[in-house]
C-alpha atoms as a PDB file:
ATOM      1  CA  MET A   1     175.183 195.397  27.751  1.00  0.00           C
ATOM      2  CA  ILE A   2     176.715 192.167  28.909  1.00  0.00           C
ATOM      3  CA  ALA A   3     176.090 189.205  26.665  1.00  0.00           C
ATOM      4  CA  THR A   4     174.724 186.126  28.372  1.00  0.00           C
ATOM      5  CA  PHE A   5     176.354 182.869  27.354  1.00  0.00           C
ATOM      6  CA  LYS A   6     174.008 179.889  27.198  1.00  0.00           C
ATOM      7  CA  PRO A   7     175.854 176.588  26.912  1.00  0.00           C
ATOM      8  CA  ARG A   8     174.455 174.113  24.425  1.00  0.00           C
ATOM      9  CA  VAL A   9     174.452 170.386  25.024  1.00  0.00           C
ATOM     10  CA  LEU A  10     175.610 168.517  21.951  1.00  0.00           C
ATOM     11  CA  LEU A  11     174.532 164.904  21.890  1.00  0.00           C
ATOM     12  CA  THR A  12     177.044 162.970  19.858  1.00  0.00           C
ATOM     13  CA  THR A  13     176.448 159.346  18.946  1.00  0.00           C
ATOM     14  CA  ALA A  14     178.721 158.313  21.822  1.00  0.00           C
ATOM     15  CA  THR A  15     177.000 160.481  24.463  1.00  0.00           C
ATOM     16  CA  LEU A  16     173.575 159.441  23.216  1.00  0.00           C
ATOM     17  CA  SER A  17     174.594 155.786  23.539  1.00  0.00           C
ATOM     18  CA  VAL A  18     175.781 156.397  27.098  1.00  0.00           C
ATOM     19  CA  ALA A  19     172.539 158.185  27.933  1.00  0.00           C
ATOM     20  CA  LEU A  20     170.488 155.305  26.580  1.00  0.00           C
ATOM     21  CA  ILE A  21     172.548 152.788  28.558  1.00  0.00           C
ATOM     22  CA  VAL A  22     172.125 154.810  31.776  1.00  0.00           C
ATOM     23  CA  CYS A  23     168.410 155.072  31.106  1.00  0.00           C
ATOM     24  CA  ALA A  24     168.198 151.315  30.575  1.00  0.00           C
ATOM     25  CA  VAL A  25     170.008 150.674  33.843  1.00  0.00           C
ATOM     26  CA  VAL A  26     167.710 153.023  35.766  1.00  0.00           C
ATOM     27  CA  GLN A  27     164.618 151.436  34.241  1.00  0.00           C
ATOM     28  CA  ALA A  28     165.802 147.835  34.708  1.00  0.00           C
ATOM     29  CA  LYS A  29     163.462 145.839  36.894  1.00  0.00           C
ATOM     30  CA  ALA A  30     163.698 142.547  38.678  1.00  0.00           C
ATOM     31  CA  PRO A  31     162.433 139.696  36.476  1.00  0.00           C
ATOM     32  CA  THR A  32     158.740 138.980  36.882  1.00  0.00           C
ATOM     33  CA  ALA A  33     157.364 135.479  37.215  1.00  0.00           C
ATOM     34  CA  PRO A  34     155.875 134.100  33.988  1.00  0.00           C
ATOM     35  CA  PRO A  35     152.192 133.080  34.324  1.00  0.00           C
ATOM     36  CA  GLY A  36     151.709 129.911  36.350  1.00  0.00           C
ATOM     37  CA  THR A  37     155.219 129.952  37.823  1.00  0.00           C
ATOM     38  CA  THR A  38     156.792 130.818  41.150  1.00  0.00           C
ATOM     39  CA  ALA A  39     160.294 132.029  42.019  1.00  0.00           C
ATOM     40  CA  VAL A  40     162.655 129.717  43.930  1.00  0.00           C
ATOM     41  CA  GLN A  41     166.266 130.164  45.038  1.00  0.00           C
ATOM     42  CA  VAL A  42     168.893 127.501  44.300  1.00  0.00           C
ATOM     43  CA  THR A  43     172.482 127.365  45.529  1.00  0.00           C
ATOM     44  CA  ILE A  44     175.409 127.103  43.099  1.00  0.00           C
ATOM     45  CA  ARG A  45     177.564 124.095  43.982  1.00  0.00           C
ATOM     46  CA  SER A  46     181.277 123.570  43.587  1.00  0.00           C
ATOM     47  CA  GLY A  47     181.975 122.468  39.997  1.00  0.00           C
ATOM     48  CA  ASP A  48     178.648 123.753  38.651  1.00  0.00           C
ATOM     49  CA  SER A  49     178.339 125.326  35.207  1.00  0.00           C
ATOM     50  CA  LEU A  50     175.348 127.151  33.734  1.00  0.00           C
ATOM     51  CA  MET A  51     174.665 124.158  31.489  1.00  0.00           C
ATOM     52  CA  ARG A  52     174.728 121.742  34.415  1.00  0.00           C
ATOM     53  CA  ILE A  53     172.388 123.944  36.466  1.00  0.00           C
ATOM     54  CA  ALA A  54     170.033 124.373  33.507  1.00  0.00           C
ATOM     55  CA  ASN A  55     169.893 120.601  32.899  1.00  0.00           C
ATOM     56  CA  ARG A  56     169.344 119.900  36.595  1.00  0.00           C
ATOM     57  CA  TYR A  57     166.263 122.105  36.804  1.00  0.00           C
ATOM     58  CA  GLY A  58     164.895 121.716  33.279  1.00  0.00           C
ATOM     59  CA  VAL A  59     165.454 125.304  32.141  1.00  0.00           C
ATOM     60  CA  THR A  60     167.687 126.913  29.516  1.00  0.00           C
ATOM     61  CA  ILE A  61     170.948 128.819  29.910  1.00  0.00           C
ATOM     62  CA  LYS A  62     169.215 131.865  28.382  1.00  0.00           C
ATOM     63  CA  ASP A  63     166.537 131.599  31.089  1.00  0.00           C
ATOM     64  CA  LEU A  64     169.189 131.577  33.825  1.00  0.00           C
ATOM     65  CA  GLN A  65     170.911 134.614  32.323  1.00  0.00           C
ATOM     66  CA  LYS A  66     167.631 136.500  31.892  1.00  0.00           C
ATOM     67  CA  TRP A  67     166.534 135.794  35.471  1.00  0.00           C
ATOM     68  CA  ASN A  68     169.985 136.485  36.963  1.00  0.00           C
ATOM     69  CA  PRO A  69     171.590 139.242  34.840  1.00  0.00           C
ATOM     70  CA  LYS A  70     174.219 140.144  37.435  1.00  0.00           C
ATOM     71  CA  LYS A  71     175.296 136.651  38.474  1.00  0.00           C
ATOM     72  CA  ALA A  72     174.872 134.608  35.289  1.00  0.00           C
ATOM     73  CA  SER A  73     175.507 137.045  32.443  1.00  0.00           C
ATOM     74  CA  LYS A  74     178.831 135.299  31.778  1.00  0.00           C
ATOM     75  CA  PRO A  75     179.484 131.591  32.482  1.00  0.00           C
ATOM     76  CA  ASP A  76     182.750 132.325  34.295  1.00  0.00           C
ATOM     77  CA  ARG A  77     181.061 134.686  36.757  1.00  0.00           C
ATOM     78  CA  ILE A  78     179.068 132.136  38.728  1.00  0.00           C
ATOM     79  CA  ARG A  79     180.515 131.300  42.148  1.00  0.00           C
ATOM     80  CA  ALA A  80     179.883 128.304  44.390  1.00  0.00           C
ATOM     81  CA  GLY A  81     177.801 129.328  47.385  1.00  0.00           C
ATOM     82  CA  ASP A  82     175.909 132.099  45.569  1.00  0.00           C
ATOM     83  CA  SER A  83     172.196 131.678  44.860  1.00  0.00           C
ATOM     84  CA  LEU A  84     170.293 131.947  41.576  1.00  0.00           C
ATOM     85  CA  THR A  85     166.617 132.716  40.967  1.00  0.00           C
ATOM     86  CA  LEU A  86     164.587 130.193  38.954  1.00  0.00           C
ATOM     87  CA  PHE A  87     160.953 130.300  37.888  1.00  0.00           C
ATOM     88  CA  VAL A  88     159.253 126.897  38.076  1.00  0.00           C
ATOM     89  CA  ALA A  89     155.668 125.723  37.600  1.00  0.00           C
ATOM     90  CA  GLN A  90     153.544 126.369  40.685  1.00  0.00           C
ATOM     91  CA  ASP A  91     152.225 122.800  40.648  1.00  0.00           C
ATOM     92  CA  SER A  92     155.711 121.263  40.276  1.00  0.00           C
ATOM     93  CA  GLU A  93     157.483 119.598  43.186  1.00  0.00           C
ATOM     94  CA  MET A  94     159.841 122.576  43.579  1.00  0.00           C
ATOM     95  CA  GLY A  95     156.988 125.058  43.274  1.00  0.00           C
ATOM     96  CA  MET A  96     154.885 123.385  45.960  1.00  0.00           C
ATOM     97  CA  ALA A  97     157.929 122.801  48.173  1.00  0.00           C
ATOM     98  CA  LYS A  98     158.509 126.568  48.298  1.00  0.00           C
ATOM     99  CA  ASP A  99     155.607 126.962  50.728  1.00  0.00           C
ATOM    100  CA  THR A 100     156.505 123.833  52.699  1.00  0.00           C
ATOM    101  CA  PRO A 101     159.154 124.144  55.444  1.00  0.00           C
ATOM    102  CA  SER A 102     162.260 122.270  54.337  1.00  0.00           C
ATOM    103  CA  TRP A 103     166.027 122.519  54.580  1.00  0.00           C
ATOM    104  CA  VAL A 104     169.033 121.656  52.440  1.00  0.00           C
ATOM    105  CA  GLY A 105     171.831 119.435  53.724  1.00  0.00           C
ATOM    106  CA  PHE A 106     175.141 118.183  52.377  1.00  0.00           C
ATOM    107  CA  TYR A 107     176.746 114.740  52.380  1.00  0.00           C
ATOM    108  CA  ASP A 108     180.385 113.894  51.627  1.00  0.00           C
ATOM    109  CA  ILE A 109     180.697 110.669  49.629  1.00  0.00           C
ATOM    110  CA  LYS A 110     183.044 108.209  51.343  1.00  0.00           C
ATOM    111  CA  ALA A 111     185.035 105.306  49.922  1.00  0.00           C
ATOM    112  CA  GLY A 112     182.721 102.317  49.512  1.00  0.00           C
ATOM    113  CA  ASP A 113     179.536 104.406  49.381  1.00  0.00           C
ATOM    114  CA  SER A 114     176.861 103.639  46.819  1.00  0.00           C
ATOM    115  CA  LEU A 115     174.015 105.981  45.987  1.00  0.00           C
ATOM    116  CA  SER A 116     171.437 103.553  47.378  1.00  0.00           C
ATOM    117  CA  VAL A 117     173.332 103.271  50.680  1.00  0.00           C
ATOM    118  CA  VAL A 118     173.581 107.065  50.948  1.00  0.00           C
ATOM    119  CA  ALA A 119     169.877 107.497  50.164  1.00  0.00           C
ATOM    120  CA  THR A 120     168.934 104.951  52.834  1.00  0.00           C
ATOM    121  CA  ARG A 121     171.263 106.596  55.347  1.00  0.00           C
ATOM    122  CA  LEU A 122     169.676 109.998  54.694  1.00  0.00           C
ATOM    123  CA  GLY A 123     166.127 108.645  54.647  1.00  0.00           C
ATOM    124  CA  ILE A 124     165.318 109.848  51.126  1.00  0.00           C
ATOM    125  CA  SER A 125     164.692 108.169  47.772  1.00  0.00           C
ATOM    126  CA  MET A 126     167.533 107.455  45.371  1.00  0.00           C
ATOM    127  CA  ASP A 127     165.520 109.041  42.534  1.00  0.00           C
ATOM    128  CA  ASP A 128     165.274 112.303  44.483  1.00  0.00           C
ATOM    129  CA  LEU A 129     168.979 112.225  45.291  1.00  0.00           C
ATOM    130  CA  MET A 130     169.850 111.727  41.615  1.00  0.00           C
ATOM    131  CA  ARG A 131     167.510 114.498  40.466  1.00  0.00           C
ATOM    132  CA  TRP A 132     168.725 117.033  43.062  1.00  0.00           C
ATOM    133  CA  ASN A 133     172.343 116.440  42.049  1.00  0.00           C
ATOM    134  CA  GLY A 134     171.950 116.059  38.287  1.00  0.00           C
ATOM    135  CA  ILE A 135     173.193 112.444  38.416  1.00  0.00           C
ATOM    136  CA  ARG A 136     172.289 110.285  35.410  1.00  0.00           C
ATOM    137  CA  ASP A 137     174.293 107.166  36.249  1.00  0.00           C
ATOM    138  CA  ALA A 138     174.081 106.042  39.894  1.00  0.00           C
ATOM    139  CA  ALA A 139     177.288 104.040  39.499  1.00  0.00           C
ATOM    140  CA  LYS A 140     179.328 107.128  38.665  1.00  0.00           C
ATOM    141  CA  ILE A 141     179.767 108.740  42.064  1.00  0.00           C
ATOM    142  CA  ARG A 142     183.217 109.354  43.515  1.00  0.00           C
ATOM    143  CA  ALA A 143     184.564 109.422  47.042  1.00  0.00           C
ATOM    144  CA  GLY A 144     185.256 113.012  48.040  1.00  0.00           C
ATOM    145  CA  ASP A 145     182.402 114.500  46.015  1.00  0.00           C
ATOM    146  CA  GLN A 146     179.571 116.216  47.841  1.00  0.00           C
ATOM    147  CA  LEU A 147     175.849 115.559  47.468  1.00  0.00           C
ATOM    148  CA  GLN A 148     173.067 118.000  48.258  1.00  0.00           C
ATOM    149  CA  TYR A 149     169.752 116.791  49.647  1.00  0.00           C
ATOM    150  CA  ARG A 150     166.484 118.241  50.909  1.00  0.00           C
ATOM    151  CA  LYS A 151     164.525 117.249  54.013  1.00  0.00           C
ATOM    152  CA  PRO A 152     161.066 118.410  55.148  1.00  0.00           C
ATOM    153  CA  GLY A 153     160.569 120.364  58.355  1.00  0.00           C
ATOM    154  CA  GLU A 154     162.724 122.921  60.143  1.00  0.00           C
ATOM    155  CA  ARG A 155     166.517 122.807  59.759  1.00  0.00           C
ATOM    156  CA  PRO A 156     168.239 121.097  62.719  1.00  0.00           C
ATOM    157  CA  LEU A 157     170.476 123.475  64.653  1.00  0.00           C
ATOM    158  CA  ALA A 158     174.076 123.445  63.385  1.00  0.00           C
ATOM    159  CA  GLN A 159     176.457 121.835  65.884  1.00  0.00           C
ATOM    160  CA  SER A 160     180.200 121.418  66.398  1.00  0.00           C
ATOM    161  CA  ASP A 161     181.322 117.828  66.878  1.00  0.00           C
ATOM    162  CA  GLY A 162     184.859 117.192  68.165  1.00  0.00           C
ATOM    163  CA  THR A 163     187.747 119.660  68.188  1.00  0.00           C
ATOM    164  CA  PRO A 164     188.640 122.310  65.580  1.00  0.00           C
ATOM    165  CA  THR A 165     191.515 120.109  64.360  1.00  0.00           C
ATOM    166  CA  ASN A 166     189.717 116.767  64.564  1.00  0.00           C
ATOM    167  CA  GLY A 167     185.993 117.111  64.147  1.00  0.00           C
ATOM    168  CA  LYS A 168     183.068 117.887  61.886  1.00  0.00           C
ATOM    169  CA  LEU A 169     180.172 120.296  61.484  1.00  0.00           C
ATOM    170  CA  LEU A 170     176.660 118.897  61.735  1.00  0.00           C
ATOM    171  CA  TYR A 171     173.950 120.632  59.682  1.00  0.00           C
ATOM    172  CA  GLY A 172     176.252 123.552  58.841  1.00  0.00           C
ATOM    173  CA  GLU A 173     174.556 126.929  58.450  1.00  0.00           C
ATOM    174  CA  HIS A 174     175.679 129.456  55.811  1.00  0.00           C
ATOM    175  CA  ILE A 175     176.503 133.006  56.894  1.00  0.00           C
ATOM    176  CA  GLY A 176     174.712 134.557  53.915  1.00  0.00           C
ATOM    177  CA  GLU A 177     175.016 138.182  52.851  1.00  0.00           C
ATOM    178  CA  GLY A 178     174.958 141.105  55.260  1.00  0.00           C
ATOM    179  CA  ALA A 179     176.033 144.637  56.089  1.00  0.00           C
ATOM    180  CA  GLY A 180     179.687 145.514  56.505  1.00  0.00           C
ATOM    181  CA  TYR A 181     181.286 142.373  55.072  1.00  0.00           C
ATOM    182  CA  ARG A 182     181.941 140.450  51.896  1.00  0.00           C
ATOM    183  CA  LEU A 183     182.814 136.772  51.466  1.00  0.00           C
ATOM    184  CA  ARG A 184     186.021 135.588  49.857  1.00  0.00           C
ATOM    185  CA  PHE A 185     184.752 132.065  49.163  1.00  0.00           C
ATOM    186  CA  PRO A 186     180.987 131.678  49.853  1.00  0.00           C
ATOM    187  CA  LYS A 187     181.255 127.882  49.544  1.00  0.00           C
ATOM    188  CA  ASN A 188     183.497 127.815  52.648  1.00  0.00           C
ATOM    189  CA  ALA A 189     181.374 130.082  54.860  1.00  0.00           C
ATOM    190  CA  PHE A 190     179.473 127.550  56.989  1.00  0.00           C
ATOM    191  CA  GLY A 191     179.438 127.524  60.782  1.00  0.00           C
ATOM    192  CA  ILE A 192     177.360 127.324  63.945  1.00  0.00           C
ATOM    193  CA  PRO A 193     174.700 130.011  64.589  1.00  0.00           C
ATOM    194  CA  ARG A 194     176.402 131.915  67.423  1.00  0.00           C
ATOM    195  CA  VAL A 195     179.653 132.291  65.446  1.00  0.00           C
ATOM    196  CA  LEU A 196     177.862 133.490  62.310  1.00  0.00           C
ATOM    197  CA  ARG A 197     175.747 135.856  64.382  1.00  0.00           C
ATOM    198  CA  VAL A 198     178.739 137.561  66.019  1.00  0.00           C
ATOM    199  CA  LEU A 199     180.578 137.857  62.675  1.00  0.00           C
ATOM    200  CA  ARG A 200     177.564 139.591  61.134  1.00  0.00           C
ATOM    201  CA  THR A 201     176.947 141.796  64.172  1.00  0.00           C
ATOM    202  CA  CYS A 202     180.518 143.036  64.545  1.00  0.00           C
ATOM    203  CA  ALA A 203     180.996 143.735  60.828  1.00  0.00           C
ATOM    204  CA  SER A 204     177.793 145.774  60.890  1.00  0.00           C
ATOM    205  CA  GLU A 205     178.844 147.675  64.028  1.00  0.00           C
ATOM    206  CA  VAL A 206     182.200 148.693  62.546  1.00  0.00           C
ATOM    207  CA  GLU A 207     180.434 149.872  59.391  1.00  0.00           C
ATOM    208  CA  ARG A 208     177.956 151.976  61.393  1.00  0.00           C
ATOM    209  CA  ALA A 209     180.776 153.524  63.431  1.00  0.00           C
ATOM    210  CA  ASN A 210     182.756 154.334  60.263  1.00  0.00           C
ATOM    211  CA  PRO A 211     180.367 155.539  57.526  1.00  0.00           C
ATOM    212  CA  GLY A 212     181.748 154.838  54.073  1.00  0.00           C
ATOM    213  CA  THR A 213     184.247 152.250  55.298  1.00  0.00           C
ATOM    214  CA  ALA A 214     185.440 149.448  53.076  1.00  0.00           C
ATOM    215  CA  GLN A 215     183.884 146.100  53.988  1.00  0.00           C
ATOM    216  CA  VAL A 216     185.735 143.551  56.068  1.00  0.00           C
ATOM    217  CA  LEU A 217     186.635 140.423  54.082  1.00  0.00           C
ATOM    218  CA  ILE A 218     185.515 137.162  55.692  1.00  0.00           C
ATOM    219  CA  GLY A 219     187.444 134.152  54.451  1.00  0.00           C
ATOM    220  CA  ASP A 220     187.203 130.485  55.357  1.00  0.00           C
ATOM    221  CA  ILE A 221     185.000 129.342  58.237  1.00  0.00           C
ATOM    222  CA  SER A 222     184.169 125.692  57.459  1.00  0.00           C
ATOM    223  CA  ARG A 223     182.939 123.525  54.619  1.00  0.00           C
ATOM    224  CA  PRO A 224     179.219 122.597  54.785  1.00  0.00           C
ATOM    225  CA  THR A 225     179.976 119.370  56.667  1.00  0.00           C
ATOM    226  CA  GLY A 226     183.203 120.483  58.336  1.00  0.00           C
ATOM    227  CA  GLY A 227     185.999 117.946  58.581  1.00  0.00           C
ATOM    228  CA  LYS A 228     189.454 118.139  57.012  1.00  0.00           C
ATOM    229  CA  PHE A 229     189.954 121.338  55.087  1.00  0.00           C
ATOM    230  CA  PRO A 230     193.398 121.582  53.418  1.00  0.00           C
ATOM    231  CA  PRO A 231     195.561 123.588  53.712  1.00  0.00           C
ATOM    232  CA  HIS A 232     194.062 124.433  57.117  1.00  0.00           C
ATOM    233  CA  GLN A 233     194.833 122.320  60.158  1.00  0.00           C
ATOM    234  CA  SER A 234     191.667 123.539  61.864  1.00  0.00           C
ATOM    235  CA  HIS A 235     188.383 125.038  60.539  1.00  0.00           C
ATOM    236  CA  GLN A 236     186.728 121.621  60.956  1.00  0.00           C
ATOM    237  CA  THR A 237     183.799 122.394  63.286  1.00  0.00           C
ATOM    238  CA  GLY A 238     182.416 125.793  62.279  1.00  0.00           C
ATOM    239  CA  ARG A 239     184.122 127.693  65.120  1.00  0.00           C
ATOM    240  CA  ASP A 240     187.185 129.133  63.310  1.00  0.00           C
ATOM    241  CA  ALA A 241     186.907 132.201  61.092  1.00  0.00           C
ATOM    242  CA  ASP A 242     189.510 133.957  58.934  1.00  0.00           C
ATOM    243  CA  VAL A 243     188.891 137.701  58.971  1.00  0.00           C
ATOM    244  CA  GLY A 244     190.853 140.028  56.693  1.00  0.00           C
ATOM    245  CA  TYR A 245     192.550 143.126  58.064  1.00  0.00           C
ATOM    246  CA  TYR A 246     190.939 146.486  57.385  1.00  0.00           C
ATOM    247  CA  MET A 247     193.372 148.283  55.081  1.00  0.00           C
ATOM    248  CA  ALA A 248     194.904 151.709  55.687  1.00  0.00           C
ATOM    249  CA  GLY A 249     193.542 154.418  53.400  1.00  0.00           C
ATOM    250  CA  ASN A 250     190.159 152.666  53.303  1.00  0.00           C
ATOM    251  CA  VAL A 251     191.364 150.351  50.534  1.00  0.00           C
ATOM    252  CA  GLN A 252     188.985 147.432  49.957  1.00  0.00           C
ATOM    253  CA  ASN A 253     190.610 144.137  50.945  1.00  0.00           C
ATOM    254  CA  LYS A 254     189.561 141.783  48.143  1.00  0.00           C
ATOM    255  CA  THR A 255     191.882 138.793  48.312  1.00  0.00           C
ATOM    256  CA  MET A 256     193.572 138.864  51.742  1.00  0.00           C
ATOM    257  CA  TYR A 257     196.835 140.374  50.579  1.00  0.00           C
ATOM    258  CA  ARG A 258     200.065 139.807  52.496  1.00  0.00           C
ATOM    259  CA  VAL A 259     200.502 143.041  54.409  1.00  0.00           C
ATOM    260  CA  GLY A 260     202.878 144.751  56.789  1.00  0.00           C
ATOM    261  CA  PRO A 261     201.865 146.849  59.813  1.00  0.00           C
ATOM    262  CA  SER A 262     201.850 150.079  57.779  1.00  0.00           C
ATOM    263  CA  HIS A 263     199.162 148.680  55.465  1.00  0.00           C
ATOM    264  CA  VAL A 264     196.721 147.832  58.278  1.00  0.00           C
ATOM    265  CA  ASP A 265     194.059 150.163  59.668  1.00  0.00           C
ATOM    266  CA  MET A 266     194.756 149.350  63.312  1.00  0.00           C
ATOM    267  CA  GLY A 267     191.741 151.259  64.616  1.00  0.00           C
ATOM    268  CA  LYS A 268     189.116 149.340  62.667  1.00  0.00           C
ATOM    269  CA  SER A 269     190.962 146.008  62.843  1.00  0.00           C
ATOM    270  CA  TRP A 270     191.098 146.302  66.636  1.00  0.00           C
ATOM    271  CA  ALA A 271     187.461 147.449  66.767  1.00  0.00           C
ATOM    272  CA  ILE A 272     186.150 144.299  65.104  1.00  0.00           C
ATOM    273  CA  LEU A 273     188.443 142.024  67.126  1.00  0.00           C
ATOM    274  CA  LYS A 274     187.377 143.724  70.375  1.00  0.00           C
ATOM    275  CA  CYS A 275     183.745 143.291  69.349  1.00  0.00           C
ATOM    276  CA  PHE A 276     184.278 139.550  68.812  1.00  0.00           C
ATOM    277  CA  ILE A 277     185.858 139.188  72.256  1.00  0.00           C
ATOM    278  CA  GLU A 278     183.194 141.243  74.050  1.00  0.00           C
ATOM    279  CA  ARG A 279     180.169 139.733  72.327  1.00  0.00           C
ATOM    280  CA  ASP A 280     181.145 136.078  72.309  1.00  0.00           C
ATOM    281  CA  SER A 281     183.519 133.590  73.837  1.00  0.00           C
ATOM    282  CA  VAL A 282     186.827 133.861  71.959  1.00  0.00           C
ATOM    283  CA  VAL A 283     189.432 131.264  72.958  1.00  0.00           C
ATOM    284  CA  ARG A 284     192.250 131.828  70.465  1.00  0.00           C
ATOM    285  CA  VAL A 285     193.460 134.381  67.911  1.00  0.00           C
ATOM    286  CA  TYR A 286     196.332 134.061  65.432  1.00  0.00           C
ATOM    287  CA  MET A 287     198.001 137.233  64.145  1.00  0.00           C
ATOM    288  CA  ASP A 288     201.367 138.009  62.593  1.00  0.00           C
ATOM    289  CA  ARG A 289     203.936 139.040  65.228  1.00  0.00           C
ATOM    290  CA  ALA A 290     204.880 142.329  63.544  1.00  0.00           C
ATOM    291  CA  ILE A 291     201.214 143.312  63.267  1.00  0.00           C
ATOM    292  CA  GLN A 292     200.695 142.337  66.922  1.00  0.00           C
ATOM    293  CA  ARG A 293     203.501 144.683  67.906  1.00  0.00           C
ATOM    294  CA  SER A 294     202.084 147.561  65.880  1.00  0.00           C
ATOM    295  CA  MET A 295     198.546 147.025  67.187  1.00  0.00           C
ATOM    296  CA  ARG A 296     199.782 146.939  70.794  1.00  0.00           C
ATOM    297  CA  ARG A 297     201.581 150.260  70.284  1.00  0.00           C
ATOM    298  CA  HIS A 298     198.463 151.739  68.704  1.00  0.00           C
ATOM    299  CA  LEU A 299     196.324 150.749  71.696  1.00  0.00           C
ATOM    300  CA  LEU A 300     198.807 152.137  74.205  1.00  0.00           C
ATOM    301  CA  ARG A 301     199.235 155.382  72.244  1.00  0.00           C
ATOM    302  CA  LYS A 302     195.459 155.875  72.095  1.00  0.00           C
ATOM    303  CA  GLY A 303     195.023 154.928  75.754  1.00  0.00           C
ATOM    304  CA  LEU A 304     192.701 152.059  74.834  1.00  0.00           C
ATOM    305  CA  ALA A 305     194.339 149.376  76.974  1.00  0.00           C
ATOM    306  CA  SER A 306     196.574 148.998  80.000  1.00  0.00           C
ATOM    307  CA  GLU A 307     199.947 147.266  80.081  1.00  0.00           C
ATOM    308  CA  GLU A 308     198.346 144.511  82.168  1.00  0.00           C
ATOM    309  CA  LEU A 309     195.708 143.878  79.514  1.00  0.00           C
ATOM    310  CA  MET A 310     198.345 143.972  76.779  1.00  0.00           C
ATOM    311  CA  SER A 311     200.367 141.288  78.544  1.00  0.00           C
ATOM    312  CA  ARG A 312     197.337 138.981  78.582  1.00  0.00           C
ATOM    313  CA  LEU A 313     196.274 139.790  75.049  1.00  0.00           C
ATOM    314  CA  PHE A 314     199.482 139.707  73.028  1.00  0.00           C
ATOM    315  CA  GLU A 315     201.965 136.849  72.985  1.00  0.00           C
ATOM    316  CA  GLU A 316     204.562 139.323  71.704  1.00  0.00           C
ATOM    317  CA  LYS A 317     204.866 140.997  75.157  1.00  0.00           C
ATOM    318  CA  SER A 318     203.428 138.382  77.503  1.00  0.00           C
ATOM    319  CA  SER A 319     205.357 136.838  80.385  1.00  0.00           C
ATOM    320  CA  LYS A 320     203.299 133.694  79.670  1.00  0.00           C
ATOM    321  CA  PRO A 321     203.135 133.629  75.853  1.00  0.00           C
ATOM    322  CA  ALA A 322     201.481 130.202  75.725  1.00  0.00           C
ATOM    323  CA  GLU A 323     198.534 131.642  77.684  1.00  0.00           C
ATOM    324  CA  ALA A 324     198.108 134.849  75.666  1.00  0.00           C
ATOM    325  CA  LEU A 325     194.975 135.142  73.547  1.00  0.00           C
ATOM    326  CA  ILE A 326     196.656 136.545  70.420  1.00  0.00           C
ATOM    327  CA  ARG A 327     199.488 134.324  69.189  1.00  0.00           C
ATOM    328  CA  HIS A 328     201.825 134.301  66.225  1.00  0.00           C
ATOM    329  CA  ALA A 329     201.467 131.727  63.458  1.00  0.00           C
ATOM    330  CA  PRO A 330     203.043 131.678  59.986  1.00  0.00           C
ATOM    331  CA  HIS A 331     201.001 133.144  57.116  1.00  0.00           C
ATOM    332  CA  HIS A 332     198.821 135.309  59.357  1.00  0.00           C
ATOM    333  CA  ASP A 333     200.016 138.537  57.776  1.00  0.00           C
ATOM    334  CA  THR A 334     197.024 138.135  55.438  1.00  0.00           C
ATOM    335  CA  HIS A 335     194.245 137.753  57.998  1.00  0.00           C
ATOM    336  CA  ILE A 336     193.259 137.356  61.642  1.00  0.00           C
ATOM    337  CA  HIS A 337     192.262 133.822  62.650  1.00  0.00           C
ATOM    338  CA  VAL A 338     189.579 133.894  65.356  1.00  0.00           C
ATOM    339  CA  ARG A 339     188.421 130.794  67.225  1.00  0.00           C
ATOM    340  CA  PHE A 340     185.236 130.822  69.263  1.00  0.00           C
ATOM    341  CA  ALA A 341     184.396 128.564  72.206  1.00  0.00           C
ATOM    342  CA  CYS A 342     182.079 125.576  72.065  1.00  0.00           C
ATOM    343  CA  ASP A 343     178.406 126.432  72.295  1.00  0.00           C
ATOM    344  CA  PRO A 344     177.153 125.174  75.697  1.00  0.00           C
ATOM    345  CA  GLY A 345     174.406 123.269  73.879  1.00  0.00           C
ATOM    346  CA  ASP A 346     176.827 121.246  71.724  1.00  0.00           C
ATOM    347  CA  ALA A 347     177.405 118.195  73.917  1.00  0.00           C
ATOM    348  CA  SER A 348     179.925 116.610  71.532  1.00  0.00           C
ATOM    349  CA  CYS A 349     182.006 119.779  71.033  1.00  0.00           C
ATOM    350  CA  ARG A 350     185.530 119.710  72.490  1.00  0.00           C
ATOM    351  CA  GLU A 351     188.091 122.465  73.108  1.00  0.00           C
ATOM    352  CA  GLU A 352     191.743 122.167  72.134  1.00  0.00           C
ATOM    353  CA  LYS A 353     194.327 122.036  74.901  1.00  0.00           C
ATOM    354  CA  ARG A 354     195.072 125.533  76.312  1.00  0.00           C
ATOM    355  CA  ASP A 355     192.040 127.077  74.635  1.00  0.00           C
ATOM    356  CA  LYS A 356     190.107 129.054  77.233  1.00  0.00           C
ATOM    357  CA  ILE A 357     187.645 131.915  77.116  1.00  0.00           C
ATOM    358  CA  PHE A 358     189.317 135.333  77.316  1.00  0.00           C
ATOM    359  CA  GLU A 359     187.843 137.980  79.596  1.00  0.00           C
ATOM    360  CA  PHE A 360     188.706 141.682  79.623  1.00  0.00           C
END
């Protein structure tokens, strides 16, 4: 007779603790609205702390952490551009405004500005402006700081004004969260609708074509109001986007590392760039010369492009390098810089010299 061995599960204090933690995670639910309140979303601003946010909206830090366990559990985890959930009284201004169409805008304080002048310029009350920005002393505003304001009605369409190196972004729209990509700095991810749409679409397409792929890392696009954006020379009008390379071995690109050709997944990096070019009007791309060379060889080896197309695409092999779409620029071994054309509806948008729409 063969003895049957029946394993026993021994629950030590450690394993029991782990089991309880797992159970708690599985059973965790989204916070429910306390009676008489409604949930609203607020955006974390540059320089915000949990205490400052709590004071601004009349709640406690413990409330913020309870309502946002993933984003506010530790003070140093909050990031500008992310959103937090708050529960406010249904009959409060914020509670009633939830069901009223409105939009949030940004204003850069200039030298000589006063809060009353800014309020008049924006067509809102100074009291509202102070409350929305947690300002207690109207005299203590500084040039270079940014104010947030709210206006009723539908958001005006974001527009590019001027050139990418000398312009601004009107009513900048945020790219938000989506499939296939992550944001390096959410506070710098504002642009015009068509650019944001193609970034989202192409990231999603690459993810669908490569199940289980690491996400593409989207870096700087523009600040909410555009304009000068050190250390960049461009990125002023919501039409430039820094897109991280897909990494070989399906490694997640988290910080836009400096990489060499052997570290780049040429297939996926080309796939998203090709998608940008095919789906929208791309006028300029910056890429490290060594990575250009490796990508060109990859395309030729795979039979994905002709020599004629390569000569128009890559500065590295072009007979007219100044007219090639993909050009070398220092410090572009960390990301691809993609510039999109002016939207036909943006009357004040201007192209840089030699920028023209590329066609396959």
